Amino acid sequence: HACKGECCIEGDAGAPLEKEEIPELEKALPTVWEELSQS
């Protein structure tokens, strides 16, 4: 409530990923698609 999740929006790169997480992200994508911003 104080930081408002700034660690997810600041920095110069995305979150580091492990190789096996990439297909998991792709699999989860349709589930979260409508939550994501147009950008």
PDB file of all heavy atoms in Angstrom:
ATOM      1  N   HIS A   1       0.828  -1.216   0.000  1.00  0.00           N
ATOM      2  CA  HIS A   1       0.000   0.000   0.000  1.00  0.00           C
ATOM      3  C   HIS A   1       0.857   1.259   0.000  1.00  0.00           C
ATOM      4  O   HIS A   1       0.430   2.298  -0.490  1.00  0.00           O
ATOM      5  CB  HIS A   1      -0.976  -0.012   1.172  1.00  0.00           C
ATOM      6  CG  HIS A   1      -2.006  -1.090   1.043  1.00  0.00           C
ATOM      7  ND1 HIS A   1      -3.019  -1.047   0.126  1.00  0.00           N
ATOM      8  CD2 HIS A   1      -2.142  -2.280   1.682  1.00  0.00           C
ATOM      9  CE1 HIS A   1      -3.756  -2.139   0.205  1.00  0.00           C
ATOM     10  NE2 HIS A   1      -3.237  -2.912   1.141  1.00  0.00           N
ATOM     11  N   ALA A   2       2.066   1.159   0.524  1.00  0.00           N
ATOM     12  CA  ALA A   2       2.971   2.321   0.545  1.00  0.00           C
ATOM     13  C   ALA A   2       3.744   2.452  -0.772  1.00  0.00           C
ATOM     14  O   ALA A   2       3.851   3.542  -1.322  1.00  0.00           O
ATOM     15  CB  ALA A   2       3.944   2.210   1.709  1.00  0.00           C
ATOM     16  N   CYS A   3       4.276   1.345  -1.283  1.00  0.00           N
ATOM     17  CA  CYS A   3       5.117   1.428  -2.492  1.00  0.00           C
ATOM     18  C   CYS A   3       4.310   1.281  -3.778  1.00  0.00           C
ATOM     19  O   CYS A   3       4.791   1.604  -4.856  1.00  0.00           O
ATOM     20  CB  CYS A   3       6.220   0.378  -2.442  1.00  0.00           C
ATOM     21  SG  CYS A   3       5.634  -1.308  -2.735  1.00  0.00           S
ATOM     22  N   LYS A   4       3.107   0.732  -3.675  1.00  0.00           N
ATOM     23  CA  LYS A   4       2.198   0.524  -4.806  1.00  0.00           C
ATOM     24  C   LYS A   4       2.763  -0.433  -5.866  1.00  0.00           C
ATOM     25  O   LYS A   4       2.389  -0.377  -7.034  1.00  0.00           O
ATOM     26  CB  LYS A   4       1.779   1.848  -5.426  1.00  0.00           C
ATOM     27  CG  LYS A   4       1.060   2.757  -4.448  1.00  0.00           C
ATOM     28  CD  LYS A   4       0.371   3.880  -5.141  1.00  0.00           C
ATOM     29  CE  LYS A   4      -0.324   4.850  -4.236  1.00  0.00           C
ATOM     30  NZ  LYS A   4      -1.052   4.389  -3.111  1.00  0.00           N
ATOM     31  N   GLY A   5       3.700  -1.322  -5.461  1.00  0.00           N
ATOM     32  CA  GLY A   5       4.237  -2.317  -6.381  1.00  0.00           C
ATOM     33  C   GLY A   5       5.272  -1.772  -7.343  1.00  0.00           C
ATOM     34  O   GLY A   5       5.424  -2.259  -8.456  1.00  0.00           O
ATOM     35  N   GLU A   6       5.979  -0.765  -6.908  1.00  0.00           N
ATOM     36  CA  GLU A   6       6.935  -0.073  -7.779  1.00  0.00           C
ATOM     37  C   GLU A   6       8.014  -0.996  -8.354  1.00  0.00           C
ATOM     38  O   GLU A   6       8.532  -0.747  -9.435  1.00  0.00           O
ATOM     39  CB  GLU A   6       7.579   1.085  -7.015  1.00  0.00           C
ATOM     40  CG  GLU A   6       8.241   2.083  -7.912  1.00  0.00           C
ATOM     41  CD  GLU A   6       8.663   3.343  -7.190  1.00  0.00           C
ATOM     42  OE1 GLU A   6       8.303   3.548  -6.014  1.00  0.00           O
ATOM     43  OE2 GLU A   6       9.370   4.147  -7.814  1.00  0.00           O
ATOM     44  N   CYS A   7       8.331  -2.091  -7.658  1.00  0.00           N
ATOM     45  CA  CYS A   7       9.379  -2.998  -8.157  1.00  0.00           C
ATOM     46  C   CYS A   7       8.979  -3.655  -9.478  1.00  0.00           C
ATOM     47  O   CYS A   7       9.842  -4.109 -10.231  1.00  0.00           O
ATOM     48  CB  CYS A   7       9.733  -4.057  -7.115  1.00  0.00           C
ATOM     49  SG  CYS A   7       8.386  -5.147  -6.644  1.00  0.00           S
ATOM     50  N   CYS A   8       7.688  -3.698  -9.785  1.00  0.00           N
ATOM     51  CA  CYS A   8       7.223  -4.289 -11.046  1.00  0.00           C
ATOM     52  C   CYS A   8       7.187  -3.283 -12.192  1.00  0.00           C
ATOM     53  O   CYS A   8       6.961  -3.666 -13.340  1.00  0.00           O
ATOM     54  CB  CYS A   8       5.823  -4.872 -10.871  1.00  0.00           C
ATOM     55  SG  CYS A   8       5.754  -6.236  -9.718  1.00  0.00           S
ATOM     56  N   ILE A   9       7.389  -2.004 -11.865  1.00  0.00           N
ATOM     57  CA  ILE A   9       7.256  -0.979 -12.906  1.00  0.00           C
ATOM     58  C   ILE A   9       8.499  -0.124 -13.070  1.00  0.00           C
ATOM     59  O   ILE A   9       8.557   0.695 -13.980  1.00  0.00           O
ATOM     60  CB  ILE A   9       6.029  -0.079 -12.644  1.00  0.00           C
ATOM     61  CG1 ILE A   9       6.098   0.570 -11.266  1.00  0.00           C
ATOM     62  CG2 ILE A   9       4.751  -0.868 -12.802  1.00  0.00           C
ATOM     63  CD1 ILE A   9       4.992   1.545 -10.965  1.00  0.00           C
ATOM     64  N   GLU A  10       9.480  -0.302 -12.223  1.00  0.00           N
ATOM     65  CA  GLU A  10      10.717   0.466 -12.343  1.00  0.00           C
ATOM     66  C   GLU A  10      11.860  -0.451 -12.735  1.00  0.00           C
ATOM     67  O   GLU A  10      11.810  -1.649 -12.508  1.00  0.00           O
ATOM     68  CB  GLU A  10      11.044   1.186 -11.034  1.00  0.00           C
ATOM     69  CG  GLU A  10      10.148   2.366 -10.764  1.00  0.00           C
ATOM     70  CD  GLU A  10      10.193   3.447 -11.834  1.00  0.00           C
ATOM     71  OE1 GLU A  10      11.259   3.688 -12.422  1.00  0.00           O
ATOM     72  OE2 GLU A  10       9.145   4.042 -12.094  1.00  0.00           O
ATOM     73  N   GLY A  11      12.887   0.114 -13.282  1.00  0.00           N
ATOM     74  CA  GLY A  11      14.042  -0.672 -13.699  1.00  0.00           C
ATOM     75  C   GLY A  11      14.244  -0.542 -15.196  1.00  0.00           C
ATOM     76  O   GLY A  11      13.477   0.118 -15.896  1.00  0.00           O
ATOM     77  N   ASP A  12      15.270  -1.213 -15.672  1.00  0.00           N
ATOM     78  CA  ASP A  12      15.610  -1.080 -17.091  1.00  0.00           C
ATOM     79  C   ASP A  12      15.432  -2.364 -17.878  1.00  0.00           C
ATOM     80  O   ASP A  12      15.786  -2.442 -19.048  1.00  0.00           O
ATOM     81  CB  ASP A  12      17.053  -0.570 -17.239  1.00  0.00           C
ATOM     82  CG  ASP A  12      18.053  -1.457 -16.530  1.00  0.00           C
ATOM     83  OD1 ASP A  12      17.663  -2.500 -15.974  1.00  0.00           O
ATOM     84  OD2 ASP A  12      19.244  -1.098 -16.536  1.00  0.00           O
ATOM     85  N   ALA A  13      14.888  -3.402 -17.243  1.00  0.00           N
ATOM     86  CA  ALA A  13      14.652  -4.669 -17.931  1.00  0.00           C
ATOM     87  C   ALA A  13      13.502  -5.392 -17.235  1.00  0.00           C
ATOM     88  O   ALA A  13      13.113  -5.036 -16.127  1.00  0.00           O
ATOM     89  CB  ALA A  13      15.910  -5.533 -17.903  1.00  0.00           C
ATOM     90  N   GLY A  14      12.998  -6.425 -17.884  1.00  0.00           N
ATOM     91  CA  GLY A  14      11.936  -7.225 -17.289  1.00  0.00           C
ATOM     92  C   GLY A  14      12.486  -8.155 -16.226  1.00  0.00           C
ATOM     93  O   GLY A  14      13.676  -8.154 -15.913  1.00  0.00           O
ATOM     94  N   ALA A  15      11.607  -8.966 -15.677  1.00  0.00           N
ATOM     95  CA  ALA A  15      11.984  -9.919 -14.631  1.00  0.00           C
ATOM     96  C   ALA A  15      12.785 -11.067 -15.233  1.00  0.00           C
ATOM     97  O   ALA A  15      12.395 -11.623 -16.268  1.00  0.00           O
ATOM     98  CB  ALA A  15      10.735 -10.460 -13.955  1.00  0.00           C
ATOM     99  N   PRO A  16      13.889 -11.449 -14.588  1.00  0.00           N
ATOM    100  CA  PRO A  16      14.670 -12.596 -15.073  1.00  0.00           C
ATOM    101  C   PRO A  16      13.817 -13.864 -15.102  1.00  0.00           C
ATOM    102  O   PRO A  16      13.013 -14.107 -14.200  1.00  0.00           O
ATOM    103  CB  PRO A  16      15.801 -12.719 -14.048  1.00  0.00           C
ATOM    104  CG  PRO A  16      15.910 -11.365 -13.429  1.00  0.00           C
ATOM    105  CD  PRO A  16      14.507 -10.818 -13.421  1.00  0.00           C
ATOM    106  N   LEU A  17      14.010 -14.661 -16.149  1.00  0.00           N
ATOM    107  CA  LEU A  17      13.239 -15.888 -16.323  1.00  0.00           C
ATOM    108  C   LEU A  17      14.151 -17.104 -16.366  1.00  0.00           C
ATOM    109  O   LEU A  17      15.262 -17.039 -16.890  1.00  0.00           O
ATOM    110  CB  LEU A  17      12.445 -15.838 -17.631  1.00  0.00           C
ATOM    111  CG  LEU A  17      11.357 -14.795 -17.722  1.00  0.00           C
ATOM    112  CD1 LEU A  17      10.824 -14.707 -19.150  1.00  0.00           C
ATOM    113  CD2 LEU A  17      10.226 -15.118 -16.755  1.00  0.00           C
ATOM    114  N   GLU A  18      13.646 -18.205 -15.855  1.00  0.00           N
ATOM    115  CA  GLU A  18      14.312 -19.484 -16.024  1.00  0.00           C
ATOM    116  C   GLU A  18      13.767 -20.088 -17.311  1.00  0.00           C
ATOM    117  O   GLU A  18      12.615 -19.842 -17.694  1.00  0.00           O
ATOM    118  CB  GLU A  18      14.061 -20.366 -14.811  1.00  0.00           C
ATOM    119  CG  GLU A  18      14.666 -19.747 -13.558  1.00  0.00           C
ATOM    120  CD  GLU A  18      14.646 -20.652 -12.341  1.00  0.00           C
ATOM    121  OE1 GLU A  18      14.189 -21.809 -12.445  1.00  0.00           O
ATOM    122  OE2 GLU A  18      15.095 -20.186 -11.286  1.00  0.00           O
ATOM    123  N   LYS A  19      14.592 -20.847 -17.972  1.00  0.00           N
ATOM    124  CA  LYS A  19      14.249 -21.402 -19.283  1.00  0.00           C
ATOM    125  C   LYS A  19      12.887 -22.097 -19.284  1.00  0.00           C
ATOM    126  O   LYS A  19      12.069 -21.891 -20.187  1.00  0.00           O
ATOM    127  CB  LYS A  19      15.351 -22.376 -19.704  1.00  0.00           C
ATOM    128  CG  LYS A  19      15.234 -22.941 -21.063  1.00  0.00           C
ATOM    129  CD  LYS A  19      16.446 -23.829 -21.348  1.00  0.00           C
ATOM    130  CE  LYS A  19      16.205 -24.699 -22.547  1.00  0.00           C
ATOM    131  NZ  LYS A  19      17.328 -25.591 -22.808  1.00  0.00           N
ATOM    132  N   GLU A  20      12.616 -22.893 -18.241  1.00  0.00           N
ATOM    133  CA  GLU A  20      11.365 -23.654 -18.195  1.00  0.00           C
ATOM    134  C   GLU A  20      10.150 -22.779 -17.896  1.00  0.00           C
ATOM    135  O   GLU A  20       9.012 -23.228 -18.048  1.00  0.00           O
ATOM    136  CB  GLU A  20      11.456 -24.803 -17.193  1.00  0.00           C
ATOM    137  CG  GLU A  20      11.685 -24.410 -15.764  1.00  0.00           C
ATOM    138  CD  GLU A  20      13.154 -24.207 -15.385  1.00  0.00           C
ATOM    139  OE1 GLU A  20      14.051 -24.283 -16.251  1.00  0.00           O
ATOM    140  OE2 GLU A  20      13.400 -23.932 -14.211  1.00  0.00           O
ATOM    141  N   GLU A  21      10.363 -21.532 -17.500  1.00  0.00           N
ATOM    142  CA  GLU A  21       9.228 -20.644 -17.218  1.00  0.00           C
ATOM    143  C   GLU A  21       8.632 -20.043 -18.483  1.00  0.00           C
ATOM    144  O   GLU A  21       7.464 -19.653 -18.490  1.00  0.00           O
ATOM    145  CB  GLU A  21       9.662 -19.520 -16.270  1.00  0.00           C
ATOM    146  CG  GLU A  21       9.953 -19.996 -14.868  1.00  0.00           C
ATOM    147  CD  GLU A  21      10.403 -18.902 -13.936  1.00  0.00           C
ATOM    148  OE1 GLU A  21      11.162 -17.997 -14.369  1.00  0.00           O
ATOM    149  OE2 GLU A  21       9.993 -18.939 -12.760  1.00  0.00           O
ATOM    150  N   ILE A  22       9.396 -19.959 -19.546  1.00  0.00           N
ATOM    151  CA  ILE A  22       8.908 -19.322 -20.775  1.00  0.00           C
ATOM    152  C   ILE A  22       7.669 -20.038 -21.319  1.00  0.00           C
ATOM    153  O   ILE A  22       6.645 -19.382 -21.578  1.00  0.00           O
ATOM    154  CB  ILE A  22      10.031 -19.186 -21.815  1.00  0.00           C
ATOM    155  CG1 ILE A  22      11.122 -18.266 -21.240  1.00  0.00           C
ATOM    156  CG2 ILE A  22       9.486 -18.652 -23.138  1.00  0.00           C
ATOM    157  CD1 ILE A  22      12.416 -18.246 -22.024  1.00  0.00           C
ATOM    158  N   PRO A  23       7.687 -21.378 -21.470  1.00  0.00           N
ATOM    159  CA  PRO A  23       6.447 -22.031 -21.937  1.00  0.00           C
ATOM    160  C   PRO A  23       5.296 -21.885 -20.937  1.00  0.00           C
ATOM    161  O   PRO A  23       4.125 -21.842 -21.336  1.00  0.00           O
ATOM    162  CB  PRO A  23       6.828 -23.496 -22.121  1.00  0.00           C
ATOM    163  CG  PRO A  23       8.235 -23.664 -21.695  1.00  0.00           C
ATOM    164  CD  PRO A  23       8.799 -22.320 -21.383  1.00  0.00           C
ATOM    165  N   GLU A  24       5.624 -21.778 -19.639  1.00  0.00           N
ATOM    166  CA  GLU A  24       4.579 -21.585 -18.630  1.00  0.00           C
ATOM    167  C   GLU A  24       3.917 -20.217 -18.803  1.00  0.00           C
ATOM    168  O   GLU A  24       2.701 -20.085 -18.655  1.00  0.00           O
ATOM    169  CB  GLU A  24       5.157 -21.715 -17.220  1.00  0.00           C
ATOM    170  CG  GLU A  24       5.612 -23.112 -16.874  1.00  0.00           C
ATOM    171  CD  GLU A  24       4.471 -24.107 -16.780  1.00  0.00           C
ATOM    172  OE1 GLU A  24       3.350 -23.717 -16.411  1.00  0.00           O
ATOM    173  OE2 GLU A  24       4.698 -25.286 -17.107  1.00  0.00           O
ATOM    174  N   LEU A  25       4.718 -19.192 -19.107  1.00  0.00           N
ATOM    175  CA  LEU A  25       4.162 -17.855 -19.356  1.00  0.00           C
ATOM    176  C   LEU A  25       3.248 -17.883 -20.577  1.00  0.00           C
ATOM    177  O   LEU A  25       2.158 -17.306 -20.567  1.00  0.00           O
ATOM    178  CB  LEU A  25       5.286 -16.843 -19.596  1.00  0.00           C
ATOM    179  CG  LEU A  25       6.077 -16.382 -18.393  1.00  0.00           C
ATOM    180  CD1 LEU A  25       7.239 -15.498 -18.846  1.00  0.00           C
ATOM    181  CD2 LEU A  25       5.207 -15.632 -17.415  1.00  0.00           C
ATOM    182  N   GLU A  26       3.712 -18.552 -21.627  1.00  0.00           N
ATOM    183  CA  GLU A  26       2.920 -18.630 -22.859  1.00  0.00           C
ATOM    184  C   GLU A  26       1.620 -19.387 -22.639  1.00  0.00           C
ATOM    185  O   GLU A  26       0.580 -19.013 -23.168  1.00  0.00           O
ATOM    186  CB  GLU A  26       3.764 -19.258 -23.964  1.00  0.00           C
ATOM    187  CG  GLU A  26       4.900 -18.339 -24.393  1.00  0.00           C
ATOM    188  CD  GLU A  26       5.964 -18.996 -25.252  1.00  0.00           C
ATOM    189  OE1 GLU A  26       6.005 -20.249 -25.326  1.00  0.00           O
ATOM    190  OE2 GLU A  26       6.770 -18.241 -25.843  1.00  0.00           O
ATOM    191  N   LYS A  27       1.685 -20.434 -21.834  1.00  0.00           N
ATOM    192  CA  LYS A  27       0.484 -21.220 -21.515  1.00  0.00           C
ATOM    193  C   LYS A  27      -0.512 -20.391 -20.704  1.00  0.00           C
ATOM    194  O   LYS A  27      -1.723 -20.484 -20.900  1.00  0.00           O
ATOM    195  CB  LYS A  27       0.898 -22.474 -20.745  1.00  0.00           C
ATOM    196  CG  LYS A  27      -0.235 -23.378 -20.351  1.00  0.00           C
ATOM    197  CD  LYS A  27       0.318 -24.578 -19.577  1.00  0.00           C
ATOM    198  CE  LYS A  27      -0.782 -25.298 -18.835  1.00  0.00           C
ATOM    199  NZ  LYS A  27      -0.232 -26.306 -17.916  1.00  0.00           N
ATOM    200  N   ALA A  28      -0.019 -19.561 -19.782  1.00  0.00           N
ATOM    201  CA  ALA A  28      -0.883 -18.752 -18.925  1.00  0.00           C
ATOM    202  C   ALA A  28      -1.424 -17.518 -19.642  1.00  0.00           C
ATOM    203  O   ALA A  28      -2.414 -16.920 -19.198  1.00  0.00           O
ATOM    204  CB  ALA A  28      -0.124 -18.317 -17.671  1.00  0.00           C
ATOM    205  N   LEU A  29      -0.802 -17.131 -20.736  1.00  0.00           N
ATOM    206  CA  LEU A  29      -1.163 -15.886 -21.425  1.00  0.00           C
ATOM    207  C   LEU A  29      -2.649 -15.755 -21.757  1.00  0.00           C
ATOM    208  O   LEU A  29      -3.254 -14.713 -21.459  1.00  0.00           O
ATOM    209  CB  LEU A  29      -0.297 -15.710 -22.674  1.00  0.00           C
ATOM    210  CG  LEU A  29      -0.424 -14.384 -23.401  1.00  0.00           C
ATOM    211  CD1 LEU A  29      -0.092 -13.213 -22.478  1.00  0.00           C
ATOM    212  CD2 LEU A  29       0.489 -14.373 -24.616  1.00  0.00           C
ATOM    213  N   PRO A  30      -3.309 -16.761 -22.349  1.00  0.00           N
ATOM    214  CA  PRO A  30      -4.741 -16.595 -22.653  1.00  0.00           C
ATOM    215  C   PRO A  30      -5.597 -16.330 -21.406  1.00  0.00           C
ATOM    216  O   PRO A  30      -6.591 -15.611 -21.481  1.00  0.00           O
ATOM    217  CB  PRO A  30      -5.132 -17.927 -23.300  1.00  0.00           C
ATOM    218  CG  PRO A  30      -3.855 -18.509 -23.801  1.00  0.00           C
ATOM    219  CD  PRO A  30      -2.787 -18.046 -22.857  1.00  0.00           C
ATOM    220  N   THR A  31      -5.172 -16.869 -20.271  1.00  0.00           N
ATOM    221  CA  THR A  31      -5.920 -16.688 -19.024  1.00  0.00           C
ATOM    222  C   THR A  31      -5.869 -15.246 -18.535  1.00  0.00           C
ATOM    223  O   THR A  31      -6.832 -14.749 -17.958  1.00  0.00           O
ATOM    224  CB  THR A  31      -5.345 -17.627 -17.929  1.00  0.00           C
ATOM    225  OG1 THR A  31      -5.341 -18.959 -18.445  1.00  0.00           O
ATOM    226  CG2 THR A  31      -6.151 -17.567 -16.669  1.00  0.00           C
ATOM    227  N   VAL A  32      -4.747 -14.573 -18.774  1.00  0.00           N
ATOM    228  CA  VAL A  32      -4.576 -13.211 -18.246  1.00  0.00           C
ATOM    229  C   VAL A  32      -4.741 -12.129 -19.311  1.00  0.00           C
ATOM    230  O   VAL A  32      -4.702 -10.943 -18.985  1.00  0.00           O
ATOM    231  CB  VAL A  32      -3.192 -13.059 -17.553  1.00  0.00           C
ATOM    232  CG1 VAL A  32      -3.074 -14.023 -16.384  1.00  0.00           C
ATOM    233  CG2 VAL A  32      -2.045 -13.234 -18.523  1.00  0.00           C
ATOM    234  N   TRP A  33      -4.917 -12.508 -20.547  1.00  0.00           N
ATOM    235  CA  TRP A  33      -4.926 -11.568 -21.668  1.00  0.00           C
ATOM    236  C   TRP A  33      -5.831 -10.363 -21.440  1.00  0.00           C
ATOM    237  O   TRP A  33      -5.444  -9.217 -21.683  1.00  0.00           O
ATOM    238  CB  TRP A  33      -5.305 -12.293 -22.954  1.00  0.00           C
ATOM    239  CG  TRP A  33      -5.152 -11.461 -24.191  1.00  0.00           C
ATOM    240  CD1 TRP A  33      -6.151 -10.882 -24.925  1.00  0.00           C
ATOM    241  CD2 TRP A  33      -3.921 -11.102 -24.828  1.00  0.00           C
ATOM    242  NE1 TRP A  33      -5.622 -10.196 -25.986  1.00  0.00           N
ATOM    243  CE2 TRP A  33      -4.249 -10.316 -25.951  1.00  0.00           C
ATOM    244  CE3 TRP A  33      -2.586 -11.359 -24.564  1.00  0.00           C
ATOM    245  CZ2 TRP A  33      -3.287  -9.792 -26.804  1.00  0.00           C
ATOM    246  CZ3 TRP A  33      -1.629 -10.839 -25.422  1.00  0.00           C
ATOM    247  CH2 TRP A  33      -1.982 -10.063 -26.525  1.00  0.00           C
ATOM    248  N   GLU A  34      -7.050 -10.592 -20.980  1.00  0.00           N
ATOM    249  CA  GLU A  34      -8.004  -9.498 -20.796  1.00  0.00           C
ATOM    250  C   GLU A  34      -7.615  -8.564 -19.651  1.00  0.00           C
ATOM    251  O   GLU A  34      -8.067  -7.421 -19.602  1.00  0.00           O
ATOM    252  CB  GLU A  34      -9.420 -10.041 -20.582  1.00  0.00           C
ATOM    253  CG  GLU A  34      -9.999 -10.718 -21.815  1.00  0.00           C
ATOM    254  CD  GLU A  34     -10.019  -9.815 -23.051  1.00  0.00           C
ATOM    255  OE1 GLU A  34     -10.404  -8.633 -22.929  1.00  0.00           O
ATOM    256  OE2 GLU A  34      -9.644 -10.303 -24.141  1.00  0.00           O
ATOM    257  N   GLU A  35      -6.772  -9.032 -18.728  1.00  0.00           N
ATOM    258  CA  GLU A  35      -6.296  -8.204 -17.612  1.00  0.00           C
ATOM    259  C   GLU A  35      -5.217  -7.214 -18.065  1.00  0.00           C
ATOM    260  O   GLU A  35      -4.988  -6.206 -17.412  1.00  0.00           O
ATOM    261  CB  GLU A  35      -5.692  -9.080 -16.504  1.00  0.00           C
ATOM    262  CG  GLU A  35      -6.682  -9.949 -15.780  1.00  0.00           C
ATOM    263  CD  GLU A  35      -7.429  -9.202 -14.698  1.00  0.00           C
ATOM    264  OE1 GLU A  35      -6.881  -8.245 -14.119  1.00  0.00           O
ATOM    265  OE2 GLU A  35      -8.581  -9.582 -14.429  1.00  0.00           O
ATOM    266  N   LEU A  36      -4.534  -7.544 -19.157  1.00  0.00           N
ATOM    267  CA  LEU A  36      -3.382  -6.761 -19.591  1.00  0.00           C
ATOM    268  C   LEU A  36      -3.797  -5.484 -20.306  1.00  0.00           C
ATOM    269  O   LEU A  36      -4.839  -5.427 -20.964  1.00  0.00           O
ATOM    270  CB  LEU A  36      -2.503  -7.601 -20.518  1.00  0.00           C
ATOM    271  CG  LEU A  36      -2.044  -8.958 -19.967  1.00  0.00           C
ATOM    272  CD1 LEU A  36      -1.166  -9.672 -20.992  1.00  0.00           C
ATOM    273  CD2 LEU A  36      -1.315  -8.803 -18.645  1.00  0.00           C
ATOM    274  N   SER A  37      -2.946  -4.477 -20.192  1.00  0.00           N
ATOM    275  CA  SER A  37      -3.217  -3.214 -20.876  1.00  0.00           C
ATOM    276  C   SER A  37      -3.088  -3.399 -22.387  1.00  0.00           C
ATOM    277  O   SER A  37      -2.435  -4.338 -22.860  1.00  0.00           O
ATOM    278  CB  SER A  37      -2.229  -2.138 -20.412  1.00  0.00           C
ATOM    279  OG  SER A  37      -0.927  -2.432 -20.903  1.00  0.00           O
ATOM    280  N   GLN A  38      -3.682  -2.493 -23.125  1.00  0.00           N
ATOM    281  CA  GLN A  38      -3.569  -2.539 -24.582  1.00  0.00           C
ATOM    282  C   GLN A  38      -2.104  -2.433 -25.001  1.00  0.00           C
ATOM    283  O   GLN A  38      -1.656  -3.136 -25.905  1.00  0.00           O
ATOM    284  CB  GLN A  38      -4.398  -1.409 -25.225  1.00  0.00           C
ATOM    285  CG  GLN A  38      -4.388  -1.430 -26.739  1.00  0.00           C
ATOM    286  CD  GLN A  38      -4.958  -2.725 -27.326  1.00  0.00           C
ATOM    287  OE1 GLN A  38      -5.918  -3.286 -26.819  1.00  0.00           O
ATOM    288  NE2 GLN A  38      -4.345  -3.196 -28.402  1.00  0.00           N
ATOM    289  N   SER A  39      -1.353  -1.595 -24.329  1.00  0.00           N
ATOM    290  CA  SER A  39       0.079  -1.438 -24.630  1.00  0.00           C
ATOM    291  C   SER A  39       0.829  -2.741 -24.401  1.00  0.00           C
ATOM    292  O   SER A  39       1.696  -3.115 -25.197  1.00  0.00           O
ATOM    293  CB  SER A  39       0.708  -0.349 -23.769  1.00  0.00           C
ATOM    294  OG  SER A  39       0.075   0.879 -23.994  1.00  0.00           O
TER     295      SER A  39
END
